[in-house]
Amino acid sequence: TGPLLRISDSDDLTRFTVAPLVSMRSVADAPASDYVSGLITVVRA
C-alpha cells in the first residue's frame, strides 16, 4: 500500500532502460544523470 506515483514515458526512461544497467543478479550503478537522480528524489520525497 502507498501513495500512487505515476512515472510517465519519456525518452530518458527508454534510453536508460536499453543501456546495460541491469543484470539478472544485481543493479549496476546508475549513470550520474539529472533524470535518474531526479527520479530517485521524487520517490523519496
All heavy atoms as atom14 arrays in JSON, in Angstrom:
{
  "sequence": "TGPLLRISDSDDLTRFTVAPLVSMRSVADAPASDYVSGLITVVRA",
  "atom14_mask": [
    [1, 1, 1, 1, 1, 1, 1, 0, 0, 0, 0, 0, 0, 0],
    [1, 1, 1, 1, 0, 0, 0, 0, 0, 0, 0, 0, 0, 0],
    [1, 1, 1, 1, 1, 1, 1, 0, 0, 0, 0, 0, 0, 0],
    [1, 1, 1, 1, 1, 1, 1, 1, 0, 0, 0, 0, 0, 0],
    [1, 1, 1, 1, 1, 1, 1, 1, 0, 0, 0, 0, 0, 0],
    [1, 1, 1, 1, 1, 1, 1, 1, 1, 1, 1, 0, 0, 0],
    [1, 1, 1, 1, 1, 1, 1, 1, 0, 0, 0, 0, 0, 0],
    [1, 1, 1, 1, 1, 1, 0, 0, 0, 0, 0, 0, 0, 0],
    [1, 1, 1, 1, 1, 1, 1, 1, 0, 0, 0, 0, 0, 0],
    [1, 1, 1, 1, 1, 1, 0, 0, 0, 0, 0, 0, 0, 0],
    [1, 1, 1, 1, 1, 1, 1, 1, 0, 0, 0, 0, 0, 0],
    [1, 1, 1, 1, 1, 1, 1, 1, 0, 0, 0, 0, 0, 0],
    [1, 1, 1, 1, 1, 1, 1, 1, 0, 0, 0, 0, 0, 0],
    [1, 1, 1, 1, 1, 1, 1, 0, 0, 0, 0, 0, 0, 0],
    [1, 1, 1, 1, 1, 1, 1, 1, 1, 1, 1, 0, 0, 0],
    [1, 1, 1, 1, 1, 1, 1, 1, 1, 1, 1, 0, 0, 0],
    [1, 1, 1, 1, 1, 1, 1, 0, 0, 0, 0, 0, 0, 0],
    [1, 1, 1, 1, 1, 1, 1, 0, 0, 0, 0, 0, 0, 0],
    [1, 1, 1, 1, 1, 0, 0, 0, 0, 0, 0, 0, 0, 0],
    [1, 1, 1, 1, 1, 1, 1, 0, 0, 0, 0, 0, 0, 0],
    [1, 1, 1, 1, 1, 1, 1, 1, 0, 0, 0, 0, 0, 0],
    [1, 1, 1, 1, 1, 1, 1, 0, 0, 0, 0, 0, 0, 0],
    [1, 1, 1, 1, 1, 1, 0, 0, 0, 0, 0, 0, 0, 0],
    [1, 1, 1, 1, 1, 1, 1, 1, 0, 0, 0, 0, 0, 0],
    [1, 1, 1, 1, 1, 1, 1, 1, 1, 1, 1, 0, 0, 0],
    [1, 1, 1, 1, 1, 1, 0, 0, 0, 0, 0, 0, 0, 0],
    [1, 1, 1, 1, 1, 1, 1, 0, 0, 0, 0, 0, 0, 0],
    [1, 1, 1, 1, 1, 0, 0, 0, 0, 0, 0, 0, 0, 0],
    [1, 1, 1, 1, 1, 1, 1, 1, 0, 0, 0, 0, 0, 0],
    [1, 1, 1, 1, 1, 0, 0, 0, 0, 0, 0, 0, 0, 0],
    [1, 1, 1, 1, 1, 1, 1, 0, 0, 0, 0, 0, 0, 0],
    [1, 1, 1, 1, 1, 0, 0, 0, 0, 0, 0, 0, 0, 0],
    [1, 1, 1, 1, 1, 1, 0, 0, 0, 0, 0, 0, 0, 0],
    [1, 1, 1, 1, 1, 1, 1, 1, 0, 0, 0, 0, 0, 0],
    [1, 1, 1, 1, 1, 1, 1, 1, 1, 1, 1, 1, 0, 0],
    [1, 1, 1, 1, 1, 1, 1, 0, 0, 0, 0, 0, 0, 0],
    [1, 1, 1, 1, 1, 1, 0, 0, 0, 0, 0, 0, 0, 0],
    [1, 1, 1, 1, 0, 0, 0, 0, 0, 0, 0, 0, 0, 0],
    [1, 1, 1, 1, 1, 1, 1, 1, 0, 0, 0, 0, 0, 0],
    [1, 1, 1, 1, 1, 1, 1, 1, 0, 0, 0, 0, 0, 0],
    [1, 1, 1, 1, 1, 1, 1, 0, 0, 0, 0, 0, 0, 0],
    [1, 1, 1, 1, 1, 1, 1, 0, 0, 0, 0, 0, 0, 0],
    [1, 1, 1, 1, 1, 1, 1, 0, 0, 0, 0, 0, 0, 0],
    [1, 1, 1, 1, 1, 1, 1, 1, 1, 1, 1, 0, 0, 0],
    [1, 1, 1, 1, 1, 0, 0, 0, 0, 0, 0, 0, 0, 0]
  ],
  "atom14_positions": [
    [[0.84, -1.19, 0.0], [0.0, 0.0, 0.0], [0.87, 1.23, 0.0], [2.0, 1.21, 0.51], [-0.93, 0.02, 1.22], [-1.8, 1.16, 1.15], [-0.14, 0.09, 2.52], [0.0, 0.0, 0.0], [0.0, 0.0, 0.0], [0.0, 0.0, 0.0], [0.0, 0.0, 0.0], [0.0, 0.0, 0.0], [0.0, 0.0, 0.0], [0.0, 0.0, 0.0]],
    [[0.35, 2.31, -0.58], [1.09, 3.56, -0.58], [0.48, 4.56, -1.54], [-0.42, 4.23, -2.31], [0.0, 0.0, 0.0], [0.0, 0.0, 0.0], [0.0, 0.0, 0.0], [0.0, 0.0, 0.0], [0.0, 0.0, 0.0], [0.0, 0.0, 0.0], [0.0, 0.0, 0.0], [0.0, 0.0, 0.0], [0.0, 0.0, 0.0], [0.0, 0.0, 0.0]],
    [[0.96, 5.8, -1.5], [0.5, 6.78, -2.49], [0.92, 6.33, -3.88], [1.99, 5.74, -4.06], [1.22, 8.06, -2.07], [2.4, 7.6, -1.27], [1.98, 6.35, -0.59], [0.0, 0.0, 0.0], [0.0, 0.0, 0.0], [0.0, 0.0, 0.0], [0.0, 0.0, 0.0], [0.0, 0.0, 0.0], [0.0, 0.0, 0.0], [0.0, 0.0, 0.0]],
    [[0.07, 6.59, -4.86], [0.34, 6.17, -6.23], [1.22, 7.2, -6.92], [0.87, 8.38, -6.98], [-0.97, 5.99, -6.99], [-0.86, 5.39, -8.39], [-0.4, 3.93, -8.32], [-2.2, 5.48, -9.12], [0.0, 0.0, 0.0], [0.0, 0.0, 0.0], [0.0, 0.0, 0.0], [0.0, 0.0, 0.0], [0.0, 0.0, 0.0], [0.0, 0.0, 0.0]],
    [[2.35, 6.77, -7.42], [3.27, 7.64, -8.15], [3.31, 7.2, -9.61], [3.77, 6.09, -9.91], [4.67, 7.58, -7.53], [5.75, 8.37, -8.28], [5.41, 9.87, -8.31], [7.12, 8.15, -7.65], [0.0, 0.0, 0.0], [0.0, 0.0, 0.0], [0.0, 0.0, 0.0], [0.0, 0.0, 0.0], [0.0, 0.0, 0.0], [0.0, 0.0, 0.0]],
    [[2.85, 8.07, -10.48], [2.86, 7.76, -11.92], [4.18, 8.24, -12.51], [4.58, 9.39, -12.32], [1.69, 8.46, -12.61], [0.33, 8.02, -12.12], [-0.77, 8.88, -12.73], [-2.06, 8.55, -12.16], [-2.91, 7.66, -12.68], [-2.58, 7.02, -13.79], [-4.05, 7.41, -12.09], [0.0, 0.0, 0.0], [0.0, 0.0, 0.0], [0.0, 0.0, 0.0]],
    [[4.83, 7.36, -13.24], [6.06, 7.7, -13.96], [5.74, 7.67, -15.44], [5.46, 6.61, -16.02], [7.2, 6.75, -13.61], [7.54, 6.86, -12.11], [8.42, 7.03, -14.46], [8.67, 5.97, -11.65], [0.0, 0.0, 0.0], [0.0, 0.0, 0.0], [0.0, 0.0, 0.0], [0.0, 0.0, 0.0], [0.0, 0.0, 0.0], [0.0, 0.0, 0.0]],
    [[5.74, 8.85, -16.05], [5.35, 8.96, -17.45], [6.48, 8.49, -18.36], [7.67, 8.59, -18.03], [4.98, 10.41, -17.79], [3.93, 10.87, -16.97], [0.0, 0.0, 0.0], [0.0, 0.0, 0.0], [0.0, 0.0, 0.0], [0.0, 0.0, 0.0], [0.0, 0.0, 0.0], [0.0, 0.0, 0.0], [0.0, 0.0, 0.0], [0.0, 0.0, 0.0]],
    [[6.06, 8.0, -19.53], [7.06, 7.63, -20.54], [7.85, 8.87, -20.97], [7.31, 9.97, -21.06], [6.36, 7.04, -21.77], [6.23, 5.53, -21.66], [6.52, 4.99, -20.58], [5.81, 4.9, -22.64], [0.0, 0.0, 0.0], [0.0, 0.0, 0.0], [0.0, 0.0, 0.0], [0.0, 0.0, 0.0], [0.0, 0.0, 0.0], [0.0, 0.0, 0.0]],
    [[9.13, 8.66, -21.22], [9.98, 9.75, -21.73], [11.13, 9.14, -22.5], [11.42, 7.94, -22.38], [10.52, 10.6, -20.58], [11.44, 9.85, -19.81], [0.0, 0.0, 0.0], [0.0, 0.0, 0.0], [0.0, 0.0, 0.0], [0.0, 0.0, 0.0], [0.0, 0.0, 0.0], [0.0, 0.0, 0.0], [0.0, 0.0, 0.0], [0.0, 0.0, 0.0]],
    [[11.81, 9.96, -23.26], [12.98, 9.48, -24.0], [14.05, 8.99, -23.04], [14.73, 7.99, -23.29], [13.53, 10.59, -24.89], [12.6, 10.92, -26.05], [11.74, 10.06, -26.38], [12.73, 12.03, -26.6], [0.0, 0.0, 0.0], [0.0, 0.0, 0.0], [0.0, 0.0, 0.0], [0.0, 0.0, 0.0], [0.0, 0.0, 0.0], [0.0, 0.0, 0.0]],
    [[14.24, 9.71, -21.91], [15.25, 9.3, -20.94], [14.92, 7.94, -20.35], [15.82, 7.09, -20.15], [15.36, 10.34, -19.82], [16.12, 11.59, -20.23], [16.96, 11.48, -21.16], [15.88, 12.64, -19.64], [0.0, 0.0, 0.0], [0.0, 0.0, 0.0], [0.0, 0.0, 0.0], [0.0, 0.0, 0.0], [0.0, 0.0, 0.0], [0.0, 0.0, 0.0]],
    [[13.66, 7.72, -20.05], [13.25, 6.45, -19.44], [13.59, 5.28, -20.35], [14.17, 4.28, -19.91], [11.76, 6.48, -19.15], [11.17, 5.3, -18.37], [11.79, 5.19, -16.99], [9.66, 5.42, -18.28], [0.0, 0.0, 0.0], [0.0, 0.0, 0.0], [0.0, 0.0, 0.0], [0.0, 0.0, 0.0], [0.0, 0.0, 0.0], [0.0, 0.0, 0.0]],
    [[13.27, 5.39, -21.62], [13.57, 4.3, -22.54], [15.06, 4.24, -22.88], [15.61, 3.15, -23.03], [12.75, 4.46, -23.84], [12.98, 5.76, -24.39], [11.27, 4.29, -23.54], [0.0, 0.0, 0.0], [0.0, 0.0, 0.0], [0.0, 0.0, 0.0], [0.0, 0.0, 0.0], [0.0, 0.0, 0.0], [0.0, 0.0, 0.0], [0.0, 0.0, 0.0]],
    [[15.71, 5.38, -22.94], [17.14, 5.4, -23.3], [17.98, 4.71, -22.23], [18.85, 3.89, -22.53], [17.61, 6.84, -23.5], [19.09, 6.98, -23.81], [19.4, 8.37, -24.39], [19.02, 9.42, -23.45], [19.84, 9.9, -22.52], [21.07, 9.41, -22.38], [19.46, 10.87, -21.71], [0.0, 0.0, 0.0], [0.0, 0.0, 0.0], [0.0, 0.0, 0.0]],
    [[17.73, 5.03, -20.96], [18.5, 4.41, -19.89], [18.11, 2.94, -19.71], [18.92, 2.13, -19.26], [18.31, 5.15, -18.58], [19.02, 6.47, -18.56], [18.34, 7.63, -18.26], [20.38, 6.56, -18.85], [18.99, 8.85, -18.25], [21.03, 7.78, -18.84], [20.33, 8.94, -18.54], [0.0, 0.0, 0.0], [0.0, 0.0, 0.0], [0.0, 0.0, 0.0]],
    [[16.89, 2.59, -20.08], [16.46, 1.19, -19.94], [17.21, 0.29, -20.91], [17.57, -0.84, -20.56], [14.94, 1.1, -20.17], [14.29, 1.63, -19.02], [14.51, -0.34, -20.36], [0.0, 0.0, 0.0], [0.0, 0.0, 0.0], [0.0, 0.0, 0.0], [0.0, 0.0, 0.0], [0.0, 0.0, 0.0], [0.0, 0.0, 0.0], [0.0, 0.0, 0.0]],
    [[17.45, 0.75, -22.12], [18.15, -0.09, -23.09], [19.66, -0.07, -22.88], [20.38, -0.85, -23.49], [17.82, 0.33, -24.54], [16.34, 0.18, -24.79], [18.28, 1.76, -24.82], [0.0, 0.0, 0.0], [0.0, 0.0, 0.0], [0.0, 0.0, 0.0], [0.0, 0.0, 0.0], [0.0, 0.0, 0.0], [0.0, 0.0, 0.0], [0.0, 0.0, 0.0]],
    [[20.14, 0.82, -22.0], [21.56, 0.79, -21.65], [21.83, -0.41, -20.75], [20.94, -0.93, -20.1], [21.94, 2.09, -20.94], [0.0, 0.0, 0.0], [0.0, 0.0, 0.0], [0.0, 0.0, 0.0], [0.0, 0.0, 0.0], [0.0, 0.0, 0.0], [0.0, 0.0, 0.0], [0.0, 0.0, 0.0], [0.0, 0.0, 0.0], [0.0, 0.0, 0.0]],
    [[23.08, -0.89, -20.69], [23.42, -2.1, -19.91], [23.5, -1.8, -18.42], [24.57, -1.83, -17.81], [24.77, -2.51, -20.47], [25.39, -1.24, -20.92], [24.26, -0.39, -21.43], [0.0, 0.0, 0.0], [0.0, 0.0, 0.0], [0.0, 0.0, 0.0], [0.0, 0.0, 0.0], [0.0, 0.0, 0.0], [0.0, 0.0, 0.0], [0.0, 0.0, 0.0]],
    [[22.34, -1.47, -17.81], [22.33, -1.11, -16.4], [22.01, -2.27, -15.49], [22.47, -2.32, -14.36], [21.29, 0.0, -16.16], [21.53, 1.33, -16.85], [20.37, 2.25, -16.55], [22.83, 1.94, -16.36], [0.0, 0.0, 0.0], [0.0, 0.0, 0.0], [0.0, 0.0, 0.0], [0.0, 0.0, 0.0], [0.0, 0.0, 0.0], [0.0, 0.0, 0.0]],
    [[21.15, -3.17, -15.95], [20.58, -4.17, -15.05], [21.02, -5.56, -15.48], [20.87, -5.94, -16.63], [19.04, -4.09, -15.06], [18.45, -5.1, -14.09], [18.59, -2.69, -14.69], [0.0, 0.0, 0.0], [0.0, 0.0, 0.0], [0.0, 0.0, 0.0], [0.0, 0.0, 0.0], [0.0, 0.0, 0.0], [0.0, 0.0, 0.0], [0.0, 0.0, 0.0]],
    [[21.59, -6.29, -14.54], [21.91, -7.69, -14.8], [20.86, -8.56, -14.16], [19.97, -8.08, -13.46], [23.29, -8.02, -14.22], [23.2, -8.08, -12.81], [0.0, 0.0, 0.0], [0.0, 0.0, 0.0], [0.0, 0.0, 0.0], [0.0, 0.0, 0.0], [0.0, 0.0, 0.0], [0.0, 0.0, 0.0], [0.0, 0.0, 0.0], [0.0, 0.0, 0.0]],
    [[20.94, -9.85, -14.37], [19.96, -10.76, -13.78], [20.14, -10.87, -12.28], [19.23, -11.31, -11.59], [20.1, -12.14, -14.42], [19.68, -12.19, -15.87], [17.91, -12.03, -16.08], [17.37, -13.65, -15.54], [0.0, 0.0, 0.0], [0.0, 0.0, 0.0], [0.0, 0.0, 0.0], [0.0, 0.0, 0.0], [0.0, 0.0, 0.0], [0.0, 0.0, 0.0]],
    [[21.26, -10.48, -11.73], [21.51, -10.71, -10.31], [21.7, -9.42, -9.52], [21.62, -9.42, -8.31], [22.77, -11.57, -10.14], [22.59, -12.99, -10.64], [21.53, -13.72, -9.83], [21.25, -15.04, -10.37], [20.27, -15.82, -9.96], [19.44, -15.4, -9.03], [20.09, -17.0, -10.49], [0.0, 0.0, 0.0], [0.0, 0.0, 0.0], [0.0, 0.0, 0.0]],
    [[21.98, -8.32, -10.17], [22.25, -7.11, -9.41], [21.93, -5.89, -10.24], [21.76, -5.96, -11.45], [23.72, -7.07, -8.99], [24.56, -7.02, -10.14], [0.0, 0.0, 0.0], [0.0, 0.0, 0.0], [0.0, 0.0, 0.0], [0.0, 0.0, 0.0], [0.0, 0.0, 0.0], [0.0, 0.0, 0.0], [0.0, 0.0, 0.0], [0.0, 0.0, 0.0]],
    [[21.88, -4.76, -9.56], [21.65, -3.49, -10.23], [22.98, -2.76, -10.33], [23.63, -2.49, -9.32], [20.63, -2.64, -9.45], [20.36, -1.34, -10.17], [19.35, -3.42, -9.24], [0.0, 0.0, 0.0], [0.0, 0.0, 0.0], [0.0, 0.0, 0.0], [0.0, 0.0, 0.0], [0.0, 0.0, 0.0], [0.0, 0.0, 0.0], [0.0, 0.0, 0.0]],
    [[23.38, -2.43, -11.55], [24.63, -1.69, -11.73], [24.43, -0.25, -11.28], [23.31, 0.23, -11.12], [25.05, -1.73, -13.2], [0.0, 0.0, 0.0], [0.0, 0.0, 0.0], [0.0, 0.0, 0.0], [0.0, 0.0, 0.0], [0.0, 0.0, 0.0], [0.0, 0.0, 0.0], [0.0, 0.0, 0.0], [0.0, 0.0, 0.0], [0.0, 0.0, 0.0]],
    [[25.53, 0.46, -11.05], [25.42, 1.87, -10.69], [24.73, 2.63, -11.82], [25.11, 2.54, -12.99], [26.8, 2.47, -10.46], [27.43, 1.91, -9.19], [26.67, 1.46, -8.31], [28.68, 1.91, -9.12], [0.0, 0.0, 0.0], [0.0, 0.0, 0.0], [0.0, 0.0, 0.0], [0.0, 0.0, 0.0], [0.0, 0.0, 0.0], [0.0, 0.0, 0.0]],
    [[23.72, 3.38, -11.48], [23.02, 4.17, -12.48], [23.9, 5.32, -12.92], [24.69, 5.85, -12.13], [21.71, 4.69, -11.9], [0.0, 0.0, 0.0], [0.0, 0.0, 0.0], [0.0, 0.0, 0.0], [0.0, 0.0, 0.0], [0.0, 0.0, 0.0], [0.0, 0.0, 0.0], [0.0, 0.0, 0.0], [0.0, 0.0, 0.0], [0.0, 0.0, 0.0]],
    [[23.83, 5.72, -14.18], [24.63, 6.84, -14.65], [24.25, 8.11, -13.91], [23.12, 8.31, -13.51], [24.29, 6.93, -16.14], [22.95, 6.28, -16.26], [22.93, 5.2, -15.23], [0.0, 0.0, 0.0], [0.0, 0.0, 0.0], [0.0, 0.0, 0.0], [0.0, 0.0, 0.0], [0.0, 0.0, 0.0], [0.0, 0.0, 0.0], [0.0, 0.0, 0.0]],
    [[25.24, 8.95, -13.71], [25.01, 10.2, -12.98], [24.28, 11.17, -13.91], [24.89, 12.05, -14.53], [26.34, 10.79, -12.52], [0.0, 0.0, 0.0], [0.0, 0.0, 0.0], [0.0, 0.0, 0.0], [0.0, 0.0, 0.0], [0.0, 0.0, 0.0], [0.0, 0.0, 0.0], [0.0, 0.0, 0.0], [0.0, 0.0, 0.0], [0.0, 0.0, 0.0]],
    [[23.0, 11.02, -14.03], [22.2, 11.87, -14.91], [21.17, 12.62, -14.1], [20.75, 12.18, -13.03], [21.5, 11.02, -15.98], [20.44, 10.3, -15.38], [0.0, 0.0, 0.0], [0.0, 0.0, 0.0], [0.0, 0.0, 0.0], [0.0, 0.0, 0.0], [0.0, 0.0, 0.0], [0.0, 0.0, 0.0], [0.0, 0.0, 0.0], [0.0, 0.0, 0.0]],
    [[20.76, 13.75, -14.61], [19.72, 14.53, -13.94], [18.43, 13.72, -13.88], [17.69, 13.82, -12.9], [19.5, 15.84, -14.69], [20.67, 16.79, -14.56], [21.47, 16.6, -13.61], [20.79, 17.7, -15.4], [0.0, 0.0, 0.0], [0.0, 0.0, 0.0], [0.0, 0.0, 0.0], [0.0, 0.0, 0.0], [0.0, 0.0, 0.0], [0.0, 0.0, 0.0]],
    [[18.16, 12.93, -14.92], [16.9, 12.2, -14.96], [16.84, 11.16, -13.83], [15.87, 11.1, -13.07], [16.72, 11.5, -16.31], [15.47, 10.64, -16.33], [14.22, 11.22, -16.47], [15.55, 9.26, -16.15], [13.06, 10.45, -16.45], [14.41, 8.48, -16.13], [13.17, 9.08, -16.28], [12.03, 8.31, -16.25], [0.0, 0.0, 0.0], [0.0, 0.0, 0.0]],
    [[17.88, 10.34, -13.71], [17.87, 9.28, -12.71], [17.88, 9.85, -11.31], [17.1, 9.42, -10.44], [19.06, 8.32, -12.92], [19.15, 7.33, -11.77], [18.92, 7.59, -14.24], [0.0, 0.0, 0.0], [0.0, 0.0, 0.0], [0.0, 0.0, 0.0], [0.0, 0.0, 0.0], [0.0, 0.0, 0.0], [0.0, 0.0, 0.0], [0.0, 0.0, 0.0]],
    [[18.73, 10.83, -11.03], [18.77, 11.42, -9.7], [17.46, 12.12, -9.39], [16.97, 12.08, -8.25], [19.95, 12.39, -9.58], [19.83, 13.45, -10.51], [0.0, 0.0, 0.0], [0.0, 0.0, 0.0], [0.0, 0.0, 0.0], [0.0, 0.0, 0.0], [0.0, 0.0, 0.0], [0.0, 0.0, 0.0], [0.0, 0.0, 0.0], [0.0, 0.0, 0.0]],
    [[16.86, 12.75, -10.4], [15.58, 13.41, -10.19], [14.48, 12.41, -9.88], [13.6, 12.66, -9.04], [0.0, 0.0, 0.0], [0.0, 0.0, 0.0], [0.0, 0.0, 0.0], [0.0, 0.0, 0.0], [0.0, 0.0, 0.0], [0.0, 0.0, 0.0], [0.0, 0.0, 0.0], [0.0, 0.0, 0.0], [0.0, 0.0, 0.0], [0.0, 0.0, 0.0]],
    [[14.51, 11.26, -10.54], [13.52, 10.22, -10.3], [13.62, 9.69, -8.87], [12.61, 9.54, -8.17], [13.74, 9.08, -11.31], [12.67, 8.0, -11.41], [11.33, 8.59, -11.81], [13.11, 6.93, -12.42], [0.0, 0.0, 0.0], [0.0, 0.0, 0.0], [0.0, 0.0, 0.0], [0.0, 0.0, 0.0], [0.0, 0.0, 0.0], [0.0, 0.0, 0.0]],
    [[14.83, 9.44, -8.41], [15.03, 8.97, -7.04], [14.57, 10.02, -6.04], [13.94, 9.72, -5.03], [16.51, 8.6, -6.82], [16.89, 7.4, -7.71], [16.77, 8.28, -5.36], [18.36, 7.08, -7.71], [0.0, 0.0, 0.0], [0.0, 0.0, 0.0], [0.0, 0.0, 0.0], [0.0, 0.0, 0.0], [0.0, 0.0, 0.0], [0.0, 0.0, 0.0]],
    [[14.88, 11.28, -6.33], [14.47, 12.36, -5.43], [12.95, 12.45, -5.31], [12.41, 12.62, -4.21], [15.04, 13.7, -5.93], [16.46, 13.63, -5.94], [14.59, 14.85, -5.04], [0.0, 0.0, 0.0], [0.0, 0.0, 0.0], [0.0, 0.0, 0.0], [0.0, 0.0, 0.0], [0.0, 0.0, 0.0], [0.0, 0.0, 0.0], [0.0, 0.0, 0.0]],
    [[12.26, 12.32, -6.42], [10.8, 12.38, -6.41], [10.22, 11.25, -5.56], [9.31, 11.45, -4.76], [10.25, 12.32, -7.85], [8.74, 12.08, -7.84], [10.55, 13.61, -8.59], [0.0, 0.0, 0.0], [0.0, 0.0, 0.0], [0.0, 0.0, 0.0], [0.0, 0.0, 0.0], [0.0, 0.0, 0.0], [0.0, 0.0, 0.0], [0.0, 0.0, 0.0]],
    [[10.75, 10.05, -5.74], [10.25, 8.91, -4.99], [10.49, 9.1, -3.49], [9.6, 8.87, -2.66], [10.9, 7.61, -5.5], [10.57, 6.44, -4.58], [10.45, 7.31, -6.92], [0.0, 0.0, 0.0], [0.0, 0.0, 0.0], [0.0, 0.0, 0.0], [0.0, 0.0, 0.0], [0.0, 0.0, 0.0], [0.0, 0.0, 0.0], [0.0, 0.0, 0.0]],
    [[11.67, 9.54, -3.12], [11.99, 9.68, -1.7], [11.28, 10.87, -1.05], [11.21, 10.95, 0.18], [13.51, 9.8, -1.53], [14.22, 8.51, -1.88], [15.72, 8.61, -1.74], [16.34, 7.32, -2.04], [17.65, 7.12, -2.12], [18.49, 8.13, -1.92], [18.13, 5.93, -2.41], [0.0, 0.0, 0.0], [0.0, 0.0, 0.0], [0.0, 0.0, 0.0]],
    [[10.74, 11.77, -1.86], [10.0, 12.91, -1.32], [8.54, 12.58, -1.06], [7.82, 13.4, -0.47], [10.09, 14.09, -2.29], [0.0, 0.0, 0.0], [0.0, 0.0, 0.0], [0.0, 0.0, 0.0], [0.0, 0.0, 0.0], [0.0, 0.0, 0.0], [0.0, 0.0, 0.0], [0.0, 0.0, 0.0], [0.0, 0.0, 0.0], [0.0, 0.0, 0.0]]
  ]
}
